[in-house]
Amino acid sequence: MSDLCHSVHRPCALLSPYVREMLWIQSSHPRIQVLLPETTLTLMFRVLLPETTLTLMFRQTGSVSLHGSALSSAILSGLQPQARIAQHSSGSSMVIVRFTETGAAALLCDRVDLLYNQTLALDSVLPLRLRRQIDGLQTILAETPDPQQKISAVERFLVSSIDPRAAAPSQIVAAVQQIRASNGKVPIAAIARHAGMSQSALERHFSAAVGASPKGLARLARLQHVCRLWDAGLSLTTIAFEAGFTDQPHLSRDFRAFAGSSPAEFFRQGSPRNLPTFYK
């Protein structure tokens, strides 16, 4: 049996505007989630890519810590400006929900930007009407051995919890789509004009719904595109041009600011990167 088992699920139709994908992950051995693996460690590694959406995690077994601090069994993580290190104990299992860029707003009914660079216990950020449901859901997840049934339980929770009235405005959804379609290369001023908003209004409403500024999301989308171009076999010089950087040093500076290493160092170690499954 593999040390790491996982499955990926598309959300049901009711959730598809809000949830990008759902994952079940179980590992029999300790593992460390890092952007670049430390060569002195002998644990299992999983390389993380710049993430452009909020992530919800329900842990059933084992423990997870972030930079040495233990995490709650149900957490919500906002967009992050830099890579982080998470340690998973042996025998850990969890269900992970990756929202669409604008999807979390309909669950939180609040400003998503308050979660920027934060990872918090879910019951501390949900509306009061939903907090008492978390324990019941965790009990179901712990008592249900089948991964598909776990996913279905989380889906039922999300369907009953999401408020479409709190969804992001259509102009913001369109702005996100422009950023993704261009891999972060469309100027923010052009996006604001297309949305019929001033740039300051776009940035204010965008941050409240997405959890990062348009420029911040564009930066993460561009770094994701860099990884895709490298996997396609392009050189760093070509990648810098194709991804919209002024030159290769510009690419290296931006990449190092997120990853803590140059692109060459990052790609040399060759571990798998978790590109969003349904965006591949």
Protein backbone atom coordinates (compact mmCIF):
# COMPACT_ATOMS: atom_id res chain seq x y z
CA MET A 1 0.00 0.00 0.00
CA SER A 2 1.32 3.48 -0.84
CA ASP A 3 2.43 5.71 2.04
CA LEU A 4 0.16 8.45 0.68
CA CYS A 5 -3.34 7.77 -0.63
CA HIS A 6 -5.54 10.47 -2.09
CA SER A 7 -8.53 11.04 -4.30
CA VAL A 8 -9.86 14.16 -6.01
CA HIS A 9 -13.54 14.97 -6.45
CA ARG A 10 -15.41 17.53 -8.49
CA PRO A 11 -18.04 19.39 -6.48
CA CYS A 12 -21.73 18.82 -7.10
CA ALA A 13 -23.52 21.25 -9.43
CA LEU A 14 -24.86 23.40 -6.57
CA LEU A 15 -21.32 23.95 -5.27
CA SER A 16 -19.47 24.38 -8.57
CA PRO A 17 -19.68 28.23 -8.53
CA TYR A 18 -18.03 28.22 -5.11
CA VAL A 19 -15.82 25.12 -4.82
CA ARG A 20 -13.09 24.20 -7.27
CA GLU A 21 -12.28 20.72 -6.00
CA MET A 22 -12.38 18.47 -2.94
CA LEU A 23 -9.66 16.06 -1.88
CA TRP A 24 -9.32 13.16 0.55
CA ILE A 25 -5.75 12.52 1.73
CA GLN A 26 -4.43 9.80 4.04
CA SER A 27 -0.78 9.16 4.88
CA SER A 28 0.57 6.23 6.89
CA HIS A 29 3.91 7.92 7.60
CA PRO A 30 4.81 11.41 8.83
CA ARG A 31 5.15 13.92 6.02
CA ILE A 32 6.16 17.51 5.65
CA GLN A 33 4.50 19.89 3.21
CA VAL A 34 7.12 22.35 2.09
CA LEU A 35 7.85 24.45 -0.94
CA LEU A 36 11.42 23.13 -1.09
CA PRO A 37 12.35 19.89 0.69
CA GLU A 38 15.17 20.01 3.22
CA THR A 39 17.77 17.54 2.07
CA THR A 40 18.48 16.43 5.66
CA LEU A 41 14.94 15.15 6.25
CA THR A 42 13.87 11.61 5.39
CA LEU A 43 10.11 12.12 5.62
CA MET A 44 7.68 12.25 2.71
CA PHE A 45 7.62 15.56 0.86
CA ARG A 46 4.94 17.29 -1.11
CA VAL A 47 5.81 20.51 -2.93
CA LEU A 48 3.25 23.30 -2.76
CA LEU A 49 2.57 25.72 -5.57
CA PRO A 50 1.40 29.31 -5.12
CA GLU A 51 -2.29 28.91 -4.26
CA THR A 52 -4.86 31.40 -5.56
CA THR A 53 -7.82 30.36 -3.40
CA LEU A 54 -8.85 29.87 0.22
CA THR A 55 -8.56 26.31 1.54
CA LEU A 56 -10.72 24.53 4.09
CA MET A 57 -9.41 21.43 5.90
CA PHE A 58 -11.25 18.88 8.06
CA ARG A 59 -8.82 16.52 9.83
CA GLN A 60 -10.12 13.16 11.07
CA THR A 61 -7.00 11.42 12.40
CA GLY A 62 -3.44 12.35 13.25
CA SER A 63 -2.22 15.88 13.84
CA VAL A 64 -1.03 18.80 11.74
CA SER A 65 1.19 21.70 12.78
CA LEU A 66 2.18 24.84 10.93
CA HIS A 67 5.69 26.10 11.64
CA GLY A 68 5.59 24.07 14.86
CA SER A 69 2.17 25.26 16.09
CA ALA A 70 -0.63 22.66 16.27
CA LEU A 71 -3.65 23.35 14.09
CA SER A 72 -7.30 22.80 14.96
CA SER A 73 -9.12 19.83 13.43
CA ALA A 74 -11.11 22.21 11.19
CA ILE A 75 -9.28 25.21 9.74
CA LEU A 76 -9.64 27.81 7.02
CA SER A 77 -6.51 29.18 5.37
CA GLY A 78 -6.42 32.45 3.46
CA LEU A 79 -4.15 33.37 0.56
CA GLN A 80 -0.50 33.42 1.52
CA PRO A 81 2.25 35.74 0.25
CA GLN A 82 4.99 33.17 0.91
CA ALA A 83 5.52 29.44 1.21
CA ARG A 84 4.92 27.75 4.54
CA ILE A 85 5.84 24.45 6.19
CA ALA A 86 3.19 22.05 7.53
CA GLN A 87 4.04 18.86 9.43
CA HIS A 88 1.64 15.89 9.33
CA SER A 89 1.90 13.06 11.86
CA SER A 90 1.74 9.40 10.89
CA GLY A 91 -1.75 8.04 10.31
CA SER A 92 -3.18 11.44 9.40
CA SER A 93 -6.26 11.74 7.20
CA MET A 94 -8.24 14.76 6.08
CA VAL A 95 -10.72 16.22 3.65
CA ILE A 96 -9.60 19.41 1.89
CA VAL A 97 -11.89 21.87 0.13
CA ARG A 98 -10.39 24.29 -2.38
CA PHE A 99 -12.75 27.14 -3.11
CA THR A 100 -12.91 29.05 -6.35
CA GLU A 101 -11.21 32.44 -6.07
CA THR A 102 -14.52 34.12 -5.21
CA GLY A 103 -16.31 31.15 -3.62
CA ALA A 104 -15.39 31.53 0.05
CA ALA A 105 -17.26 34.83 0.34
CA ALA A 106 -20.60 33.01 0.10
CA LEU A 107 -19.63 30.81 3.06
CA LEU A 108 -18.10 33.44 5.32
CA CYS A 109 -20.61 36.23 4.65
CA ASP A 110 -17.83 38.63 5.59
CA ARG A 111 -14.68 40.25 4.26
CA VAL A 112 -12.45 37.44 3.02
CA ASP A 113 -9.40 39.71 3.07
CA LEU A 114 -9.37 39.42 6.86
CA LEU A 115 -7.97 35.93 6.28
CA TYR A 116 -5.03 37.11 4.15
CA ASN A 117 -1.85 35.43 5.45
CA GLN A 118 -3.93 33.75 8.18
CA THR A 119 -4.79 30.16 9.09
CA LEU A 120 -7.58 30.04 11.67
CA ALA A 121 -9.89 27.56 13.37
CA LEU A 122 -13.04 27.29 11.27
CA ASP A 123 -15.43 27.88 14.15
CA SER A 124 -13.75 31.23 14.84
CA VAL A 125 -14.56 32.64 11.40
CA LEU A 126 -17.89 31.08 10.45
CA PRO A 127 -21.15 32.93 11.09
CA LEU A 128 -22.67 31.99 14.45
CA ARG A 129 -25.51 30.01 12.83
CA LEU A 130 -22.98 27.53 11.38
CA ARG A 131 -20.54 27.05 14.24
CA ARG A 132 -22.60 24.47 16.10
CA GLN A 133 -22.69 22.30 12.96
CA ILE A 134 -18.92 21.74 12.91
CA ASP A 135 -18.83 19.18 15.75
CA GLY A 136 -21.62 17.16 14.14
CA LEU A 137 -19.80 17.12 10.81
CA GLN A 138 -16.53 16.07 12.43
CA THR A 139 -18.31 13.19 14.16
CA ILE A 140 -19.72 11.98 10.84
CA LEU A 141 -16.30 12.22 9.19
CA ALA A 142 -14.62 10.29 12.02
CA GLU A 143 -17.20 7.50 11.93
CA THR A 144 -17.35 7.17 8.14
CA PRO A 145 -14.56 4.98 6.68
CA ASP A 146 -15.41 5.49 3.01
CA PRO A 147 -13.69 8.54 1.42
CA GLN A 148 -16.60 9.20 -0.96
CA GLN A 149 -19.02 9.28 1.97
CA LYS A 150 -16.74 11.75 3.73
CA ILE A 151 -16.78 13.97 0.66
CA SER A 152 -20.57 13.72 0.46
CA ALA A 153 -20.91 14.74 4.12
CA VAL A 154 -18.75 17.83 3.56
CA GLU A 155 -20.75 18.65 0.43
CA ARG A 156 -24.02 18.52 2.40
CA PHE A 157 -22.53 20.85 5.00
CA LEU A 158 -21.38 23.34 2.36
CA VAL A 159 -24.66 23.27 0.43
CA SER A 160 -26.57 24.07 3.60
CA SER A 161 -24.05 26.70 4.71
CA ILE A 162 -23.35 28.75 1.59
CA ASP A 163 -25.47 31.87 1.18
CA PRO A 164 -25.72 32.89 -2.52
CA ARG A 165 -26.76 36.39 -1.41
CA ALA A 166 -23.24 36.85 -0.04
CA ALA A 167 -21.57 35.77 -3.29
CA ALA A 168 -19.03 38.02 -4.95
CA PRO A 169 -20.36 40.65 -7.40
CA SER A 170 -20.35 39.61 -11.05
CA GLN A 171 -17.78 42.31 -11.91
CA ILE A 172 -15.34 40.76 -9.43
CA VAL A 173 -15.96 37.24 -10.76
CA ALA A 174 -15.24 38.55 -14.27
CA ALA A 175 -12.08 40.30 -13.05
CA VAL A 176 -10.81 37.05 -11.52
CA GLN A 177 -11.52 35.22 -14.78
CA GLN A 178 -9.50 37.83 -16.69
CA ILE A 179 -6.57 37.39 -14.36
CA ARG A 180 -6.66 33.61 -14.64
CA ALA A 181 -7.16 33.59 -18.43
CA SER A 182 -4.18 35.90 -18.89
CA ASN A 183 -2.04 34.07 -16.29
CA GLY A 184 -1.75 37.32 -14.38
CA LYS A 185 -0.54 39.46 -17.30
CA VAL A 186 -3.52 41.81 -17.86
CA PRO A 187 -2.84 45.29 -16.33
CA ILE A 188 -5.06 46.02 -13.34
CA ALA A 189 -6.12 49.34 -14.91
CA ALA A 190 -7.44 47.47 -17.96
CA ILE A 191 -9.38 45.08 -15.72
CA ALA A 192 -10.95 48.02 -13.90
CA ARG A 193 -12.00 49.62 -17.19
CA HIS A 194 -13.56 46.35 -18.36
CA ALA A 195 -15.47 46.08 -15.07
CA GLY A 196 -16.70 49.68 -15.36
CA MET A 197 -15.13 50.58 -12.01
CA SER A 198 -12.42 52.90 -10.83
CA GLN A 199 -9.20 51.10 -9.95
CA SER A 200 -9.58 51.96 -6.26
CA ALA A 201 -13.17 50.61 -6.21
CA LEU A 202 -12.07 47.44 -7.99
CA GLU A 203 -9.25 46.87 -5.52
CA ARG A 204 -11.55 47.44 -2.51
CA HIS A 205 -14.31 45.08 -3.65
CA PHE A 206 -11.85 42.56 -5.08
CA SER A 207 -9.92 42.23 -1.81
CA ALA A 208 -13.13 41.85 0.20
CA ALA A 209 -14.35 38.98 -2.00
CA VAL A 210 -11.12 37.24 -3.02
CA GLY A 211 -8.88 37.72 -0.01
CA ALA A 212 -6.07 39.47 -1.89
CA SER A 213 -5.63 42.49 -4.12
CA PRO A 214 -5.91 42.08 -7.91
CA LYS A 215 -2.15 42.55 -8.11
CA GLY A 216 -1.59 39.91 -5.41
CA LEU A 217 -3.76 37.35 -7.18
CA ALA A 218 -2.09 38.14 -10.51
CA ARG A 219 1.31 37.50 -8.95
CA LEU A 220 0.25 34.06 -7.69
CA ALA A 221 -1.38 33.18 -11.03
CA ARG A 222 1.80 34.21 -12.85
CA LEU A 223 3.96 32.02 -10.61
CA GLN A 224 1.65 29.07 -11.26
CA HIS A 225 2.08 29.71 -14.99
CA VAL A 226 5.86 29.71 -14.56
CA CYS A 227 5.66 26.18 -13.17
CA ARG A 228 3.45 25.03 -16.03
CA LEU A 229 5.85 26.48 -18.61
CA TRP A 230 8.81 24.76 -16.96
CA ASP A 231 6.94 21.45 -17.03
CA ALA A 232 6.39 22.05 -20.77
CA GLY A 233 10.18 22.03 -21.24
CA LEU A 234 10.85 25.74 -21.79
CA SER A 235 14.04 27.48 -20.69
CA LEU A 236 13.97 30.10 -17.93
CA THR A 237 14.73 32.84 -20.44
CA THR A 238 11.74 31.82 -22.56
CA ILE A 239 9.58 31.38 -19.48
CA ALA A 240 10.37 34.91 -18.31
CA PHE A 241 9.21 36.28 -21.67
CA GLU A 242 6.12 34.07 -21.94
CA ALA A 243 5.03 34.81 -18.35
CA GLY A 244 5.29 38.56 -18.82
CA PHE A 245 8.41 39.35 -16.78
CA THR A 246 10.73 42.07 -18.04
CA ASP A 247 13.68 39.66 -18.00
CA GLN A 248 14.98 36.53 -16.27
CA PRO A 249 16.38 38.42 -13.22
CA HIS A 250 12.87 39.90 -12.71
CA LEU A 251 11.43 36.36 -12.75
CA SER A 252 14.08 35.14 -10.32
CA ARG A 253 13.45 37.99 -7.85
CA ASP A 254 9.68 37.44 -7.81
CA PHE A 255 10.04 33.67 -7.57
CA ARG A 256 12.56 33.89 -4.73
CA ALA A 257 10.30 36.26 -2.80
CA PHE A 258 7.64 33.53 -2.69
CA ALA A 259 9.68 30.32 -2.67
CA GLY A 260 12.83 31.35 -0.84
CA SER A 261 14.91 29.99 -3.72
CA SER A 262 15.62 30.72 -7.34
CA PRO A 263 13.55 29.00 -10.07
CA ALA A 264 16.57 26.91 -11.04
CA GLU A 265 17.02 25.65 -7.47
CA PHE A 266 13.30 25.02 -7.09
CA PHE A 267 12.89 23.01 -10.27
CA ARG A 268 16.15 21.08 -9.84
CA GLN A 269 14.79 19.03 -6.93
CA GLY A 270 12.04 17.64 -9.17
CA SER A 271 9.34 16.81 -6.61
CA PRO A 272 5.67 16.92 -7.71
CA ARG A 273 3.86 20.24 -7.44
CA ASN A 274 0.19 20.46 -6.54
CA LEU A 275 -1.16 22.40 -9.51
CA PRO A 276 -4.93 22.65 -9.11
CA THR A 277 -6.22 19.38 -10.51
CA PHE A 278 -8.99 20.80 -12.68
CA TYR A 279 -6.88 23.70 -13.96
CA LYS A 280 -4.24 21.42 -15.49
